[in-house]
C-alpha atoms as a PDB file:
ATOM      1  CA  MET A   1      15.228  22.098   8.885  1.00  0.00           C
ATOM      2  CA  MET A   2      13.225  25.092   6.604  1.00  0.00           C
ATOM      3  CA  VAL A   3      12.425  27.570   9.590  1.00  0.00           C
ATOM      4  CA  THR A   4      11.892  30.373   7.010  1.00  0.00           C
ATOM      5  CA  THR A   5      10.728  30.659   3.733  1.00  0.00           C
ATOM      6  CA  ARG A   6      13.501  33.230   2.386  1.00  0.00           C
ATOM      7  CA  GLY A   7      13.852  31.935  -0.843  1.00  0.00           C
ATOM      8  CA  SER A   8      12.554  28.163  -0.924  1.00  0.00           C
ATOM      9  CA  VAL A   9      10.470  28.764  -4.339  1.00  0.00           C
ATOM     10  CA  LEU A  10      13.338  29.312  -6.075  1.00  0.00           C
ATOM     11  CA  ARG A  11      15.281  26.376  -4.484  1.00  0.00           C
ATOM     12  CA  LEU A  12      12.072  24.270  -5.508  1.00  0.00           C
ATOM     13  CA  ILE A  13      11.861  25.120  -8.422  1.00  0.00           C
ATOM     14  CA  ALA A  14      15.740  24.507  -8.597  1.00  0.00           C
ATOM     15  CA  TRP A  15      15.277  21.593  -7.164  1.00  0.00           C
ATOM     16  CA  GLN A  16      13.375  20.544  -9.698  1.00  0.00           C
ATOM     17  CA  TRP A  17      14.485  21.531 -12.820  1.00  0.00           C
ATOM     18  CA  LYS A  18      14.604  17.971 -14.790  1.00  0.00           C
ATOM     19  CA  SER A  19      10.993  17.666 -14.338  1.00  0.00           C
ATOM     20  CA  ILE A  20      10.148  21.486 -15.237  1.00  0.00           C
ATOM     21  CA  VAL A  21      12.776  20.777 -18.394  1.00  0.00           C
ATOM     22  CA  LEU A  22      10.118  17.799 -19.422  1.00  0.00           C
ATOM     23  CA  PHE A  23       6.586  19.032 -18.590  1.00  0.00           C
ATOM     24  CA  VAL A  24       7.240  22.301 -20.621  1.00  0.00           C
ATOM     25  CA  LEU A  25       9.383  20.271 -23.997  1.00  0.00           C
ATOM     26  CA  PHE A  26       6.627  17.734 -23.408  1.00  0.00           C
ATOM     27  CA  ALA A  27       4.020  20.590 -23.901  1.00  0.00           C
ATOM     28  CA  ALA A  28       5.038  22.674 -26.003  1.00  0.00           C
ATOM     29  CA  ALA A  29       5.925  20.096 -29.019  1.00  0.00           C
ATOM     30  CA  VAL A  30       2.338  18.960 -28.183  1.00  0.00           C
ATOM     31  CA  THR A  31       1.142  22.730 -29.082  1.00  0.00           C
ATOM     32  CA  TYR A  32       3.633  22.654 -32.209  1.00  0.00           C
ATOM     33  CA  VAL A  33       2.127  19.595 -33.417  1.00  0.00           C
ATOM     34  CA  HIS A  34      -1.764  20.921 -33.026  1.00  0.00           C
ATOM     35  CA  GLU A  35      -0.993  24.669 -33.682  1.00  0.00           C
ATOM     36  CA  HIS A  36       0.852  23.737 -37.423  1.00  0.00           C
ATOM     37  CA  VAL A  37       0.743  19.360 -37.880  1.00  0.00           C
ATOM     38  CA  SER A  38      -2.585  17.916 -36.810  1.00  0.00           C
ATOM     39  CA  PRO A  39      -4.312  20.164 -35.270  1.00  0.00           C
ATOM     40  CA  SER A  40      -6.374  16.993 -34.324  1.00  0.00           C
ATOM     41  CA  ALA A  41      -3.977  16.033 -31.482  1.00  0.00           C
ATOM     42  CA  LYS A  42      -5.952  16.501 -28.854  1.00  0.00           C
ATOM     43  CA  LEU A  43      -7.873  14.322 -26.165  1.00  0.00           C
ATOM     44  CA  PRO A  44     -11.104  15.165 -24.546  1.00  0.00           C
ATOM     45  CA  ALA A  45     -10.850  17.171 -21.094  1.00  0.00           C
ATOM     46  CA  LEU A  46     -13.540  15.233 -18.633  1.00  0.00           C
ATOM     47  CA  PRO A  47     -11.432  12.153 -18.245  1.00  0.00           C
ATOM     48  CA  LEU A  48      -8.395  13.476 -17.909  1.00  0.00           C
ATOM     49  CA  GLY A  49      -9.275  15.713 -14.745  1.00  0.00           C
ATOM     50  CA  VAL A  50     -11.644  12.471 -13.304  1.00  0.00           C
ATOM     51  CA  VAL A  51      -7.621  10.906 -13.483  1.00  0.00           C
ATOM     52  CA  GLY A  52      -5.735  14.013 -12.362  1.00  0.00           C
ATOM     53  CA  GLY A  53      -8.556  14.172  -8.930  1.00  0.00           C
ATOM     54  CA  ALA A  54      -7.723  10.867  -7.680  1.00  0.00           C
ATOM     55  CA  LEU A  55      -3.678  11.497  -8.764  1.00  0.00           C
ATOM     56  CA  GLY A  56      -4.353  14.240  -6.675  1.00  0.00           C
ATOM     57  CA  ILE A  57      -5.949  11.940  -3.728  1.00  0.00           C
ATOM     58  CA  PHE A  58      -3.190   9.709  -4.269  1.00  0.00           C
ATOM     59  CA  VAL A  59      -0.028  11.986  -4.366  1.00  0.00           C
ATOM     60  CA  SER A  60      -1.447  13.723  -1.271  1.00  0.00           C
ATOM     61  CA  PHE A  61      -2.090  10.608   0.881  1.00  0.00           C
ATOM     62  CA  ARG A  62       1.309   9.318   0.600  1.00  0.00           C
ATOM     63  CA  THR A  63       2.275  12.978   1.266  1.00  0.00           C
ATOM     64  CA  ASN A  64      -0.045  12.926   3.955  1.00  0.00           C
ATOM     65  CA  SER A  65       1.434   9.404   5.993  1.00  0.00           C
ATOM     66  CA  ALA A  66       4.985  11.492   5.595  1.00  0.00           C
ATOM     67  CA  TYR A  67       3.922  14.394   7.612  1.00  0.00           C
ATOM     68  CA  ALA A  68       2.663  11.765  10.143  1.00  0.00           C
ATOM     69  CA  ARG A  69       5.967  10.475  10.279  1.00  0.00           C
ATOM     70  CA  TRP A  70       8.073  13.687  10.733  1.00  0.00           C
ATOM     71  CA  TRP A  71       5.524  14.986  12.719  1.00  0.00           C
ATOM     72  CA  GLU A  72       5.448  11.496  14.923  1.00  0.00           C
ATOM     73  CA  GLY A  73       9.482  12.474  15.207  1.00  0.00           C
ATOM     74  CA  ARG A  74       9.353  15.945  16.423  1.00  0.00           C
ATOM     75  CA  GLN A  75       6.855  14.640  19.356  1.00  0.00           C
ATOM     76  CA  LEU A  76       9.010  12.037  20.792  1.00  0.00           C
ATOM     77  CA  TRP A  77      12.266  14.138  20.865  1.00  0.00           C
ATOM     78  CA  GLY A  78       9.921  17.249  22.293  1.00  0.00           C
ATOM     79  CA  ARG A  79       9.348  14.021  24.765  1.00  0.00           C
ATOM     80  CA  LEU A  80      13.274  13.301  25.056  1.00  0.00           C
ATOM     81  CA  ILE A  81      14.044  17.146  26.120  1.00  0.00           C
ATOM     82  CA  ASN A  82      11.299  16.997  29.002  1.00  0.00           C
ATOM     83  CA  ALA A  83      12.264  13.532  29.881  1.00  0.00           C
ATOM     84  CA  SER A  84      15.893  15.061  29.827  1.00  0.00           C
ATOM     85  CA  ARG A  85      15.083  17.917  32.102  1.00  0.00           C
ATOM     86  CA  THR A  86      13.187  15.532  34.360  1.00  0.00           C
ATOM     87  CA  PHE A  87      16.001  13.465  34.706  1.00  0.00           C
ATOM     88  CA  CYS A  88      18.445  16.053  35.483  1.00  0.00           C
ATOM     89  CA  SER A  89      16.711  17.148  38.300  1.00  0.00           C
ATOM     90  CA  GLN A  90      15.954  13.632  40.086  1.00  0.00           C
ATOM     91  CA  ALA A  91      19.226  13.427  39.943  1.00  0.00           C
ATOM     92  CA  LEU A  92      21.206  16.821  41.203  1.00  0.00           C
ATOM     93  CA  ALA A  93      17.870  16.759  44.127  1.00  0.00           C
ATOM     94  CA  TYR A  94      17.454  13.223  45.124  1.00  0.00           C
ATOM     95  CA  LEU A  95      21.263  12.174  45.884  1.00  0.00           C
ATOM     96  CA  PRO A  96      23.435  13.496  48.203  1.00  0.00           C
ATOM     97  CA  ALA A  97      24.653  17.349  47.611  1.00  0.00           C
ATOM     98  CA  THR A  98      28.472  16.535  48.428  1.00  0.00           C
ATOM     99  CA  GLY A  99      30.542  13.561  48.001  1.00  0.00           C
ATOM    100  CA  GLU A 100      30.120  10.455  46.338  1.00  0.00           C
ATOM    101  CA  GLY A 101      26.078  10.812  45.773  1.00  0.00           C
ATOM    102  CA  ARG A 102      27.170  14.328  43.780  1.00  0.00           C
ATOM    103  CA  ALA A 103      29.327  13.041  41.463  1.00  0.00           C
ATOM    104  CA  LEU A 104      27.044  10.133  40.987  1.00  0.00           C
ATOM    105  CA  ALA A 105      24.690  12.743  40.001  1.00  0.00           C
ATOM    106  CA  THR A 106      26.850  14.671  38.035  1.00  0.00           C
ATOM    107  CA  ARG A 107      28.556  11.693  35.960  1.00  0.00           C
ATOM    108  CA  MET A 108      24.771  10.284  34.958  1.00  0.00           C
ATOM    109  CA  VAL A 109      23.320  14.202  33.987  1.00  0.00           C
ATOM    110  CA  GLU A 110      26.892  14.192  31.777  1.00  0.00           C
ATOM    111  CA  ARG A 111      26.320  10.452  30.496  1.00  0.00           C
ATOM    112  CA  HIS A 112      22.811  11.483  29.582  1.00  0.00           C
ATOM    113  CA  ILE A 113      24.381  13.934  27.464  1.00  0.00           C
ATOM    114  CA  ALA A 114      26.513  11.539  25.840  1.00  0.00           C
ATOM    115  CA  TYR A 115      23.190   9.390  25.084  1.00  0.00           C
ATOM    116  CA  VAL A 116      21.383  12.283  23.607  1.00  0.00           C
ATOM    117  CA  HIS A 117      23.608  13.254  21.477  1.00  0.00           C
ATOM    118  CA  ALA A 118      24.487   9.361  20.612  1.00  0.00           C
ATOM    119  CA  LEU A 119      20.921   9.533  20.038  1.00  0.00           C
ATOM    120  CA  ARG A 120      21.262  12.418  17.034  1.00  0.00           C
ATOM    121  CA  VAL A 121      24.277  10.624  16.008  1.00  0.00           C
ATOM    122  CA  SER A 122      23.027   7.266  15.091  1.00  0.00           C
ATOM    123  CA  LEU A 123      19.542   8.312  13.818  1.00  0.00           C
ATOM    124  CA  ARG A 124      21.704  10.183  10.841  1.00  0.00           C
ATOM    125  CA  GLY A 125      23.660   7.874  10.202  1.00  0.00           C
ATOM    126  CA  GLN A 126      27.079   9.251  11.502  1.00  0.00           C
ATOM    127  CA  ASP A 127      29.846   8.013  12.975  1.00  0.00           C
ATOM    128  CA  LEU A 128      29.784   8.027  17.156  1.00  0.00           C
ATOM    129  CA  SER A 129      33.298   7.669  17.698  1.00  0.00           C
ATOM    130  CA  ALA A 130      34.611  10.567  15.430  1.00  0.00           C
ATOM    131  CA  ASP A 131      31.169  13.202  16.851  1.00  0.00           C
ATOM    132  CA  ALA A 132      32.869  15.556  19.266  1.00  0.00           C
ATOM    133  CA  ASP A 133      29.984  16.081  21.525  1.00  0.00           C
ATOM    134  CA  VAL A 134      29.441  12.250  21.877  1.00  0.00           C
ATOM    135  CA  LEU A 135      33.582  12.052  23.188  1.00  0.00           C
ATOM    136  CA  ALA A 136      33.556  14.948  25.395  1.00  0.00           C
ATOM    137  CA  PHE A 137      30.621  13.653  27.360  1.00  0.00           C
ATOM    138  CA  VAL A 138      31.813   9.997  27.608  1.00  0.00           C
ATOM    139  CA  THR A 139      34.247   8.718  30.411  1.00  0.00           C
ATOM    140  CA  ASP A 140      36.978   6.847  28.944  1.00  0.00           C
ATOM    141  CA  ASP A 141      35.952   3.223  30.334  1.00  0.00           C
ATOM    142  CA  GLU A 142      32.865   4.087  28.528  1.00  0.00           C
ATOM    143  CA  ARG A 143      34.219   4.870  24.743  1.00  0.00           C
ATOM    144  CA  PRO A 144      33.713   0.549  24.219  1.00  0.00           C
ATOM    145  CA  LEU A 145      30.546   1.060  24.710  1.00  0.00           C
ATOM    146  CA  LEU A 146      29.618   3.463  21.697  1.00  0.00           C
ATOM    147  CA  ALA A 147      31.619  -0.106  19.218  1.00  0.00           C
ATOM    148  CA  GLU A 148      28.277  -1.865  20.503  1.00  0.00           C
ATOM    149  CA  SER A 149      25.289  -2.842  18.387  1.00  0.00           C
ATOM    150  CA  ASN A 150      22.893  -0.689  20.101  1.00  0.00           C
ATOM    151  CA  PRO A 151      25.453   2.197  21.597  1.00  0.00           C
ATOM    152  CA  ASN A 152      22.277   3.944  23.204  1.00  0.00           C
ATOM    153  CA  HIS A 153      20.462   1.606  24.602  1.00  0.00           C
ATOM    154  CA  ALA A 154      24.324   0.789  26.443  1.00  0.00           C
ATOM    155  CA  LEU A 155      25.361   4.208  27.310  1.00  0.00           C
ATOM    156  CA  CYS A 156      20.901   4.116  29.258  1.00  0.00           C
ATOM    157  CA  HIS A 157      21.349   0.763  31.426  1.00  0.00           C
ATOM    158  CA  ARG A 158      24.472   2.129  33.142  1.00  0.00           C
ATOM    159  CA  SER A 159      21.859   4.682  34.191  1.00  0.00           C
ATOM    160  CA  TYR A 160      20.297   2.483  34.972  1.00  0.00           C
ATOM    161  CA  GLU A 161      23.061   0.680  36.619  1.00  0.00           C
ATOM    162  CA  ASP A 162      23.958   3.990  38.193  1.00  0.00           C
ATOM    163  CA  VAL A 163      20.174   4.270  39.547  1.00  0.00           C
ATOM    164  CA  ALA A 164      20.341   0.767  41.487  1.00  0.00           C
ATOM    165  CA  ARG A 165      23.665   1.525  42.673  1.00  0.00           C
ATOM    166  CA  ALA A 166      22.474   4.663  44.741  1.00  0.00           C
ATOM    167  CA  GLN A 167      19.380   2.649  45.751  1.00  0.00           C
ATOM    168  CA  ALA A 168      22.078   0.466  47.581  1.00  0.00           C
ATOM    169  CA  ALA A 169      23.949   2.271  48.837  1.00  0.00           C
ATOM    170  CA  GLY A 170      20.319   4.589  50.861  1.00  0.00           C
ATOM    171  CA  TRP A 171      20.696   7.266  48.503  1.00  0.00           C
ATOM    172  CA  ILE A 172      17.165   7.413  47.193  1.00  0.00           C
ATOM    173  CA  ASP A 173      14.316   5.828  48.901  1.00  0.00           C
ATOM    174  CA  THR A 174      11.825   2.848  46.470  1.00  0.00           C
ATOM    175  CA  ASN A 175       9.890   6.091  45.676  1.00  0.00           C
ATOM    176  CA  GLN A 176      11.934   7.706  43.862  1.00  0.00           C
ATOM    177  CA  LEU A 177      13.871   4.534  42.505  1.00  0.00           C
ATOM    178  CA  LEU A 178      10.091   4.128  40.484  1.00  0.00           C
ATOM    179  CA  ALA A 179      10.392   7.663  39.489  1.00  0.00           C
ATOM    180  CA  PHE A 180      13.789   7.511  37.973  1.00  0.00           C
ATOM    181  CA  ASP A 181      12.613   3.983  35.981  1.00  0.00           C
ATOM    182  CA  GLU A 182       9.630   5.480  34.846  1.00  0.00           C
ATOM    183  CA  THR A 183      12.196   8.308  33.581  1.00  0.00           C
ATOM    184  CA  LEU A 184      14.747   5.895  32.399  1.00  0.00           C
ATOM    185  CA  ARG A 185      11.715   3.799  30.513  1.00  0.00           C
ATOM    186  CA  THR A 186      10.960   7.196  28.799  1.00  0.00           C
ATOM    187  CA  PHE A 187      14.726   7.553  27.096  1.00  0.00           C
ATOM    188  CA  LEU A 188      14.132   4.172  25.569  1.00  0.00           C
ATOM    189  CA  ASP A 189      10.528   4.405  24.655  1.00  0.00           C
ATOM    190  CA  VAL A 190      11.741   7.411  23.083  1.00  0.00           C
ATOM    191  CA  GLN A 191      14.666   6.186  20.948  1.00  0.00           C
ATOM    192  CA  GLY A 192      12.509   2.519  19.737  1.00  0.00           C
ATOM    193  CA  GLY A 193       9.867   5.239  18.540  1.00  0.00           C
ATOM    194  CA  CYS A 194      12.263   6.712  16.668  1.00  0.00           C
ATOM    195  CA  GLU A 195      14.495   4.241  15.425  1.00  0.00           C
ATOM    196  CA  ARG A 196      11.024   2.225  14.531  1.00  0.00           C
ATOM    197  CA  ILE A 197      10.838   5.448  12.150  1.00  0.00           C
ATOM    198  CA  LYS A 198      14.278   5.261  11.183  1.00  0.00           C
ATOM    199  CA  LYS A 199      14.380   1.635   9.792  1.00  0.00           C
ATOM    200  CA  THR A 200      10.674   1.315   8.643  1.00  0.00           C
ATOM    201  CA  PRO A 201      10.183   3.491   5.444  1.00  0.00           C
ATOM    202  CA  LEU A 202       6.807   4.058   3.297  1.00  0.00           C
ATOM    203  CA  PRO A 203       6.817   1.181   1.333  1.00  0.00           C
ATOM    204  CA  ARG A 204       8.480   1.771  -2.182  1.00  0.00           C
ATOM    205  CA  GLY A 205       5.320   1.235  -4.193  1.00  0.00           C
ATOM    206  CA  TYR A 206       3.777   4.756  -3.055  1.00  0.00           C
ATOM    207  CA  ALA A 207       6.895   6.536  -4.638  1.00  0.00           C
ATOM    208  CA  PHE A 208       6.990   3.977  -7.475  1.00  0.00           C
ATOM    209  CA  ILE A 209       3.215   4.338  -8.587  1.00  0.00           C
ATOM    210  CA  ALA A 210       3.104   8.189  -7.981  1.00  0.00           C
ATOM    211  CA  GLU A 211       6.206   8.571 -10.643  1.00  0.00           C
ATOM    212  CA  ARG A 212       5.148   6.694 -13.074  1.00  0.00           C
ATOM    213  CA  LEU A 213       1.331   8.236 -12.847  1.00  0.00           C
ATOM    214  CA  ILE A 214       2.444  11.880 -12.787  1.00  0.00           C
ATOM    215  CA  PHE A 215       4.729  11.384 -16.124  1.00  0.00           C
ATOM    216  CA  ALA A 216       1.853   9.740 -17.096  1.00  0.00           C
ATOM    217  CA  PHE A 217      -0.499  12.508 -16.477  1.00  0.00           C
ATOM    218  CA  SER A 218       2.354  14.966 -17.524  1.00  0.00           C
ATOM    219  CA  LEU A 219       2.188  13.252 -21.460  1.00  0.00           C
ATOM    220  CA  LEU A 220      -1.884  13.596 -21.712  1.00  0.00           C
ATOM    221  CA  LEU A 221      -2.945  17.046 -19.578  1.00  0.00           C
ATOM    222  CA  PRO A 222      -0.754  19.311 -22.317  1.00  0.00           C
ATOM    223  CA  LEU A 223      -3.139  16.941 -25.396  1.00  0.00           C
ATOM    224  CA  ALA A 224      -6.820  17.611 -22.903  1.00  0.00           C
ATOM    225  CA  VAL A 225      -6.248  21.386 -22.696  1.00  0.00           C
ATOM    226  CA  VAL A 226      -3.811  22.646 -25.895  1.00  0.00           C
ATOM    227  CA  ALA A 227      -7.117  22.755 -27.895  1.00  0.00           C
ATOM    228  CA  ASP A 228      -8.581  25.777 -25.889  1.00  0.00           C
ATOM    229  CA  LEU A 229      -5.814  26.832 -24.727  1.00  0.00           C
ATOM    230  CA  GLY A 230      -3.338  27.032 -27.038  1.00  0.00           C
ATOM    231  CA  TRP A 231       0.264  27.722 -26.451  1.00  0.00           C
ATOM    232  CA  TRP A 232      -1.045  28.741 -22.914  1.00  0.00           C
ATOM    233  CA  ALA A 233      -0.972  24.943 -22.728  1.00  0.00           C
ATOM    234  CA  VAL A 234       2.603  24.978 -22.216  1.00  0.00           C
ATOM    235  CA  PRO A 235       2.857  27.055 -18.999  1.00  0.00           C
ATOM    236  CA  ILE A 236      -0.799  25.908 -17.143  1.00  0.00           C
ATOM    237  CA  SER A 237       0.405  22.197 -17.921  1.00  0.00           C
ATOM    238  CA  THR A 238       4.186  22.401 -16.297  1.00  0.00           C
ATOM    239  CA  LEU A 239       2.241  24.666 -13.287  1.00  0.00           C
ATOM    240  CA  VAL A 240      -0.778  21.396 -13.026  1.00  0.00           C
ATOM    241  CA  CYS A 241       2.457  18.911 -13.255  1.00  0.00           C
ATOM    242  CA  LEU A 242       4.868  20.575 -11.574  1.00  0.00           C
ATOM    243  CA  SER A 243       2.181  20.754  -8.226  1.00  0.00           C
ATOM    244  CA  PHE A 244       1.961  17.317  -8.143  1.00  0.00           C
ATOM    245  CA  ALA A 245       5.507  16.541  -9.054  1.00  0.00           C
ATOM    246  CA  LEU A 246       6.715  18.908  -6.058  1.00  0.00           C
ATOM    247  CA  ILE A 247       3.383  17.712  -3.660  1.00  0.00           C
ATOM    248  CA  SER A 248       5.173  13.580  -4.634  1.00  0.00           C
ATOM    249  CA  GLU A 249       8.769  14.862  -3.890  1.00  0.00           C
ATOM    250  CA  ALA A 250       7.596  16.654  -0.622  1.00  0.00           C
ATOM    251  CA  GLY A 251       5.822  13.493   0.818  1.00  0.00           C
ATOM    252  CA  ARG A 252       9.588  11.646  -0.237  1.00  0.00           C
ATOM    253  CA  VAL A 253      11.783  13.282   1.467  1.00  0.00           C
ATOM    254  CA  LEU A 254       9.678  13.846   4.933  1.00  0.00           C
ATOM    255  CA  GLU A 255       9.502  10.538   5.096  1.00  0.00           C
ATOM    256  CA  ASP A 256      12.796  10.466   6.576  1.00  0.00           C
ATOM    257  CA  PRO A 257      12.257  13.307   9.960  1.00  0.00           C
ATOM    258  CA  PHE A 258      15.690  12.487  10.680  1.00  0.00           C
ATOM    259  CA  THR A 259      17.809  12.912   7.494  1.00  0.00           C
ATOM    260  CA  MET A 260      20.386  15.872   6.727  1.00  0.00           C
ATOM    261  CA  PHE A 261      18.377  17.266   4.100  1.00  0.00           C
ATOM    262  CA  TRP A 262      16.393  20.671   4.185  1.00  0.00           C
ATOM    263  CA  ASN A 263      13.559  19.029   5.773  1.00  0.00           C
ATOM    264  CA  GLY A 264      15.279  16.750   8.571  1.00  0.00           C
ATOM    265  CA  LEU A 265      14.170  17.737  11.860  1.00  0.00           C
ATOM    266  CA  PRO A 266      16.876  20.613  14.232  1.00  0.00           C
ATOM    267  CA  LEU A 267      18.629  17.419  16.181  1.00  0.00           C
ATOM    268  CA  THR A 268      20.864  19.271  16.480  1.00  0.00           C
ATOM    269  CA  ALA A 269      19.640  22.006  17.789  1.00  0.00           C
ATOM    270  CA  MET A 270      17.748  20.431  20.270  1.00  0.00           C
ATOM    271  CA  ALA A 271      20.371  18.160  21.313  1.00  0.00           C
ATOM    272  CA  ARG A 272      22.383  21.289  21.909  1.00  0.00           C
ATOM    273  CA  THR A 273      19.247  23.070  24.110  1.00  0.00           C
ATOM    274  CA  ILE A 274      19.357  19.995  25.991  1.00  0.00           C
ATOM    275  CA  GLU A 275      22.777  20.031  27.183  1.00  0.00           C
ATOM    276  CA  VAL A 276      22.822  23.192  27.593  1.00  0.00           C
ATOM    277  CA  ASN A 277      20.048  23.086  29.877  1.00  0.00           C
ATOM    278  CA  LEU A 278      21.653  19.772  32.247  1.00  0.00           C
ATOM    279  CA  ARG A 279      24.959  21.689  32.221  1.00  0.00           C
ATOM    280  CA  GLU A 280      22.981  24.634  33.829  1.00  0.00           C
ATOM    281  CA  ARG A 281      21.910  22.880  36.357  1.00  0.00           C
ATOM    282  CA  LEU A 282      25.120  21.871  37.014  1.00  0.00           C
ATOM    283  CA  GLY A 283      26.353  25.368  37.747  1.00  0.00           C
ATOM    284  CA  GLU A 284      28.719  25.530  34.228  1.00  0.00           C
ATOM    285  CA  LYS A 285      28.595  28.896  32.923  1.00  0.00           C
ATOM    286  CA  ASP A 286      30.910  28.368  29.640  1.00  0.00           C
ATOM    287  CA  LEU A 287      27.999  26.824  27.617  1.00  0.00           C
ATOM    288  CA  PRO A 288      28.209  26.863  23.970  1.00  0.00           C
ATOM    289  CA  LYS A 289      25.109  28.624  21.771  1.00  0.00           C
ATOM    290  CA  ILE A 290      21.996  26.294  20.767  1.00  0.00           C
ATOM    291  CA  PRO A 291      22.003  26.972  17.414  1.00  0.00           C
ATOM    292  CA  VAL A 292      19.750  29.044  15.574  1.00  0.00           C
ATOM    293  CA  ALA A 293      19.300  29.248  11.574  1.00  0.00           C
ATOM    294  CA  ASP A 294      21.565  29.926   8.749  1.00  0.00           C
ATOM    295  CA  ALA A 295      21.126  32.863   6.075  1.00  0.00           C
ATOM    296  CA  SER A 296      19.187  30.400   4.111  1.00  0.00           C
ATOM    297  CA  GLY A 297      16.844  29.943   6.589  1.00  0.00           C
ATOM    298  CA  ILE A 298      18.017  26.211   7.683  1.00  0.00           C
ATOM    299  CA  LEU A 299      18.625  25.541  11.379  1.00  0.00           C
ATOM    300  CA  MET A 300      20.423  21.542  11.903  1.00  0.00           C
END
């Protein structure tokens, strides 16, 4: 996720250089024809102004819909962070502080760290079996779970089994069992929400129509302004069309909040935050650093 604006304008221009070249070339061609070949090469401005207003509404609606998905993803991970801290405190406070009870609580917390990293990896479409953070917190008997169709659910199910074991051993009472159940259900709700966002993109028709309309508008706009602006039609029409293109592209990249692109949510930083917080509760001191934004202002 981009957390600073340092150099962002230049990056955006570089990102859209093909569109800029197209806008400039066509506007320059229209202006040249109007100035030196046929002064009648123009269109009335009013109809195109109406079309531009409608296009702006359409493109903004798509971008707003994409941002809603991005923000929902951030809210879901915020819930995961809070619920993870709750789960850790429950395990360490409810179960016995020594012996088997403490060992079970520690295992539950460590497995949950693996669950969080596994969720990060799966949402980004990466390889679970190659992720060092996941492998560091699963035991040998849990590694086969990573090959299941939904390894995140499999890891969470193990935690349910551990809670049932603790209740059967008399280590937790009914109220504590229900508290665990609510927290674990929150994990699955968050996971399900993230999977829904990941697997259900916005209808492709939105992007297709937006791209075609912007292209058509970029062809017609210079014809509508060249009579009044002359060669100034080139930078002005380019700026207007580029604005539409950038808004449309912002919607496209925001559509998937879990991507590794610069707009993606900082899942690595949030997962590491959970890991560090939980390992501190376990009394560990040698902890990894929580990631910060790099020199280009990107936080992953």
